[in-house]
Amino acid sequence: TFEMQRSLLYRIASEVMNVQSVAAEPGAVPGIVQFEGTLHREPQAAYDYLEQHFGAVGYTALLRQEGDKEVLVAMPGKLAVSRSRLWLAILLFVLTGISTIVMGGLEQVGNQVTINMGTGIAFSASILSILLAHELGHYVTARKLGVAASYPFFIPMPLSPIGTMGAFIAMKSPPPDRRALLAIAIAGPIAGLVVAIPVLFIGLYLSNLEPLPPPPYF
């Protein structure tokens, strides 16, 4: 019965937190139980324990913080994590590489439009390295925190000025708490910036920049 399930969930929750209140979430799916209290384990260790033991009885654990209390939500059912399609990620990466080379290497010589392969490859390598670092920042951090995530998927767009609409990953399981979600979110921009800064300076160094003419004198 539901009361027996709630009692079992309570015993599991009590292993990681000092439970102060137990209630079914109002307006939620039947079977959901919410616990409020304070954790007496580190959040990641608490979530790992809850994920294992809630999963054994057919529940999914969601942990969040509200003010000075932690809220643990037990959702009936287990989230199925689908396998990532590596072949699709590789195919989209190759297609994005081609589209960025083409758009980055376009040149007009007289009335003829050509593709400068050297310029195109340099452009493609620069933008793809930044995008890849950004998405790997999300991916590696997610996996480190125990969150299932897809491979980075690039979006080729030959008609756009840079040949791509960017890239993305998808989280396939909920993060253990808001701190983990923030860590996953911020890891991408930081990793991308680490690559973007040297790419910028290399580009400036290799650029043929003409000095600006002196201002006219009146």
Protein backbone atom coordinates (compact mmCIF):
# COMPACT_ATOMS: atom_id res chain seq x y z
CA THR A 1 0.00 0.00 0.00
CA PHE A 2 0.97 3.65 -0.31
CA GLU A 3 1.34 4.00 3.48
CA MET A 4 3.80 1.12 3.54
CA GLN A 5 5.75 2.66 0.67
CA ARG A 6 5.85 6.02 2.43
CA SER A 7 7.10 4.37 5.61
CA LEU A 8 9.87 2.62 3.66
CA LEU A 9 10.85 5.84 1.91
CA TYR A 10 10.90 7.59 5.27
CA ARG A 11 13.37 5.05 6.67
CA ILE A 12 15.64 5.51 3.64
CA ALA A 13 15.42 9.30 3.82
CA SER A 14 16.23 9.22 7.55
CA GLU A 15 19.62 7.70 6.73
CA VAL A 16 20.77 10.94 5.10
CA MET A 17 18.65 13.70 6.65
CA ASN A 18 16.90 14.74 9.84
CA VAL A 19 13.34 14.58 8.56
CA GLN A 20 11.14 17.31 10.01
CA SER A 21 8.00 16.87 7.90
CA VAL A 22 6.53 14.36 5.46
CA ALA A 23 3.74 15.07 3.00
CA ALA A 24 2.40 14.15 -0.40
CA GLU A 25 3.02 17.07 -2.78
CA PRO A 26 -0.24 18.94 -3.41
CA GLY A 27 -1.49 18.73 -6.95
CA ALA A 28 1.27 16.32 -7.95
CA VAL A 29 1.18 12.87 -9.48
CA PRO A 30 -0.23 10.30 -7.04
CA GLY A 31 2.49 8.50 -5.12
CA ILE A 32 4.91 11.42 -4.79
CA VAL A 33 6.20 11.99 -1.26
CA GLN A 34 8.05 15.08 -0.06
CA PHE A 35 10.42 15.16 2.91
CA GLU A 36 11.76 18.34 4.49
CA GLY A 37 14.65 18.58 6.91
CA THR A 38 18.41 19.03 7.10
CA LEU A 39 21.03 16.75 5.61
CA HIS A 40 23.57 15.11 7.87
CA ARG A 41 25.63 13.90 4.92
CA GLU A 42 27.41 15.81 2.17
CA PRO A 43 24.83 16.51 -0.61
CA GLN A 44 26.55 14.39 -3.27
CA ALA A 45 26.99 11.44 -0.90
CA ALA A 46 23.39 11.82 0.25
CA TYR A 47 22.09 11.83 -3.31
CA ASP A 48 24.17 8.79 -4.28
CA TYR A 49 22.69 6.88 -1.35
CA LEU A 50 19.14 7.99 -2.12
CA GLU A 51 19.46 7.25 -5.81
CA GLN A 52 20.56 3.69 -5.09
CA HIS A 53 18.03 2.86 -2.39
CA PHE A 54 15.07 4.73 -3.83
CA GLY A 55 15.79 3.08 -7.16
CA ALA A 56 15.69 -0.35 -5.52
CA VAL A 57 12.06 0.26 -4.51
CA GLY A 58 11.06 1.87 -7.81
CA TYR A 59 11.41 5.57 -6.95
CA THR A 60 13.48 8.49 -8.23
CA ALA A 61 15.03 10.96 -5.80
CA LEU A 62 15.10 14.72 -6.39
CA LEU A 63 16.97 16.86 -3.87
CA ARG A 64 16.79 20.64 -3.64
CA GLN A 65 17.38 23.38 -1.10
CA GLU A 66 14.74 25.87 0.00
CA GLY A 67 16.02 28.48 2.44
CA ASP A 68 17.77 26.75 5.31
CA LYS A 69 16.06 23.40 4.66
CA GLU A 70 16.61 20.60 2.18
CA VAL A 71 13.62 19.19 0.32
CA LEU A 72 13.70 15.59 -0.85
CA VAL A 73 11.06 14.54 -3.37
CA ALA A 74 10.43 10.85 -3.97
CA MET A 75 8.85 10.32 -7.40
CA PRO A 76 7.33 6.94 -8.30
CA GLY A 77 9.07 5.24 -11.20
CA LYS A 78 12.65 5.23 -12.41
CA LEU A 79 13.88 7.49 -15.17
CA ALA A 80 15.14 5.37 -18.04
CA VAL A 81 18.44 6.66 -19.41
CA SER A 82 18.68 6.07 -23.14
CA ARG A 83 22.00 5.36 -24.80
CA SER A 84 23.70 8.23 -26.56
CA ARG A 85 24.14 7.86 -30.30
CA LEU A 86 27.86 8.29 -30.85
CA TRP A 87 27.54 7.83 -34.61
CA LEU A 88 25.12 10.76 -34.82
CA ALA A 89 27.41 13.00 -32.77
CA ILE A 90 30.36 12.17 -35.05
CA LEU A 91 28.31 12.68 -38.22
CA LEU A 92 27.05 16.09 -37.08
CA PHE A 93 30.58 17.10 -36.07
CA VAL A 94 31.92 16.19 -39.53
CA LEU A 95 29.08 18.02 -41.29
CA THR A 96 29.63 21.07 -39.09
CA GLY A 97 33.34 20.94 -39.89
CA ILE A 98 32.55 20.97 -43.62
CA SER A 99 30.03 23.82 -43.34
CA THR A 100 32.38 25.97 -41.25
CA ILE A 101 35.27 25.37 -43.65
CA VAL A 102 33.12 26.39 -46.60
CA MET A 103 31.69 29.52 -44.96
CA GLY A 104 34.99 30.51 -43.38
CA GLY A 105 36.92 30.13 -46.60
CA LEU A 106 34.60 31.97 -48.98
CA GLU A 107 36.43 34.60 -51.00
CA GLN A 108 35.47 36.73 -53.96
CA VAL A 109 38.19 37.24 -56.55
CA GLY A 110 36.87 39.62 -59.16
CA ASN A 111 33.50 38.28 -60.20
CA GLN A 112 34.30 34.73 -59.09
CA VAL A 113 33.53 33.25 -55.67
CA THR A 114 36.09 30.70 -54.46
CA ILE A 115 36.90 28.79 -51.29
CA ASN A 116 40.29 29.34 -49.69
CA MET A 117 40.86 26.01 -47.97
CA GLY A 118 43.65 27.29 -45.74
CA THR A 119 41.53 30.13 -44.40
CA GLY A 120 38.50 27.88 -44.11
CA ILE A 121 40.32 25.18 -42.15
CA ALA A 122 41.85 27.76 -39.79
CA PHE A 123 38.44 29.32 -39.23
CA SER A 124 36.78 25.94 -38.70
CA ALA A 125 39.45 24.73 -36.28
CA SER A 126 39.12 27.92 -34.23
CA ILE A 127 35.36 27.94 -33.87
CA LEU A 128 34.97 24.17 -33.43
CA SER A 129 37.69 24.03 -30.75
CA ILE A 130 35.87 26.71 -28.74
CA LEU A 131 32.48 25.01 -29.15
CA LEU A 132 33.92 21.59 -28.33
CA ALA A 133 35.65 22.88 -25.19
CA HIS A 134 32.40 24.54 -24.10
CA GLU A 135 30.31 21.39 -24.50
CA LEU A 136 32.96 19.10 -23.02
CA GLY A 137 33.00 21.36 -19.98
CA HIS A 138 29.30 20.62 -19.50
CA TYR A 139 29.71 16.92 -20.34
CA VAL A 140 32.73 16.12 -18.15
CA THR A 141 31.31 17.99 -15.15
CA ALA A 142 27.94 16.26 -15.53
CA ARG A 143 29.54 12.82 -15.66
CA LYS A 144 31.80 13.67 -12.70
CA LEU A 145 28.72 14.57 -10.64
CA GLY A 146 26.91 11.38 -11.65
CA VAL A 147 24.48 13.03 -14.07
CA ALA A 148 23.87 11.15 -17.30
CA ALA A 149 24.44 13.37 -20.34
CA SER A 150 24.49 12.92 -24.09
CA TYR A 151 27.53 13.42 -26.28
CA PRO A 152 27.97 16.95 -27.66
CA PHE A 153 25.81 17.42 -30.77
CA PHE A 154 26.92 20.08 -33.25
CA ILE A 155 24.47 21.87 -35.53
CA PRO A 156 25.70 22.47 -39.10
CA MET A 157 24.19 25.49 -40.84
CA PRO A 158 25.80 26.19 -44.24
CA LEU A 159 23.70 29.31 -44.88
CA SER A 160 24.71 31.09 -41.66
CA PRO A 161 27.70 33.50 -41.62
CA ILE A 162 29.82 31.13 -39.51
CA GLY A 163 28.52 27.79 -40.81
CA THR A 164 27.01 26.53 -37.56
CA MET A 165 24.25 27.21 -35.06
CA GLY A 166 26.43 26.01 -32.17
CA ALA A 167 26.29 22.76 -30.20
CA PHE A 168 24.47 21.28 -27.21
CA ILE A 169 24.33 18.36 -24.82
CA ALA A 170 21.24 16.94 -23.14
CA MET A 171 21.04 15.89 -19.48
CA LYS A 172 19.41 12.47 -19.27
CA SER A 173 19.03 12.29 -15.51
CA PRO A 174 18.25 14.96 -12.91
CA PRO A 175 21.16 16.67 -11.11
CA PRO A 176 21.44 15.83 -7.40
CA ASP A 177 20.89 19.45 -6.31
CA ARG A 178 21.05 23.07 -7.47
CA ARG A 179 24.76 23.30 -6.75
CA ALA A 180 25.42 20.48 -9.18
CA LEU A 181 23.18 22.12 -11.77
CA LEU A 182 25.07 25.39 -11.38
CA ALA A 183 28.42 23.61 -11.63
CA ILE A 184 27.36 21.89 -14.86
CA ALA A 185 26.02 25.14 -16.30
CA ILE A 186 29.08 27.27 -15.52
CA ALA A 187 31.67 24.67 -16.55
CA GLY A 188 30.87 25.13 -20.25
CA PRO A 189 31.52 28.89 -20.52
CA ILE A 190 34.68 28.61 -18.43
CA ALA A 191 36.11 25.80 -20.58
CA GLY A 192 35.16 27.67 -23.76
CA LEU A 193 36.81 30.85 -22.49
CA VAL A 194 40.04 29.00 -21.68
CA VAL A 195 40.28 28.00 -25.36
CA ALA A 196 38.87 31.22 -26.81
CA ILE A 197 41.52 33.49 -25.26
CA PRO A 198 44.57 31.82 -26.89
CA VAL A 199 42.65 31.44 -30.16
CA LEU A 200 41.98 35.19 -30.09
CA PHE A 201 45.63 36.10 -29.53
CA ILE A 202 46.83 33.64 -32.17
CA GLY A 203 44.34 35.14 -34.63
CA LEU A 204 45.49 38.67 -33.87
CA TYR A 205 49.13 37.63 -34.21
CA LEU A 206 48.57 36.04 -37.61
CA SER A 207 46.32 38.79 -38.93
CA ASN A 208 47.65 41.29 -41.46
CA LEU A 209 46.46 44.46 -39.79
CA GLU A 210 47.12 47.74 -41.55
CA PRO A 211 47.81 50.69 -39.22
CA LEU A 212 45.13 53.35 -39.20
CA PRO A 213 46.04 56.58 -41.01
CA PRO A 214 46.80 59.55 -38.76
CA PRO A 215 43.86 61.88 -38.12
CA PRO A 216 43.66 64.95 -40.36
CA TYR A 217 44.99 68.19 -39.00
CA PHE A 218 42.86 71.32 -39.13
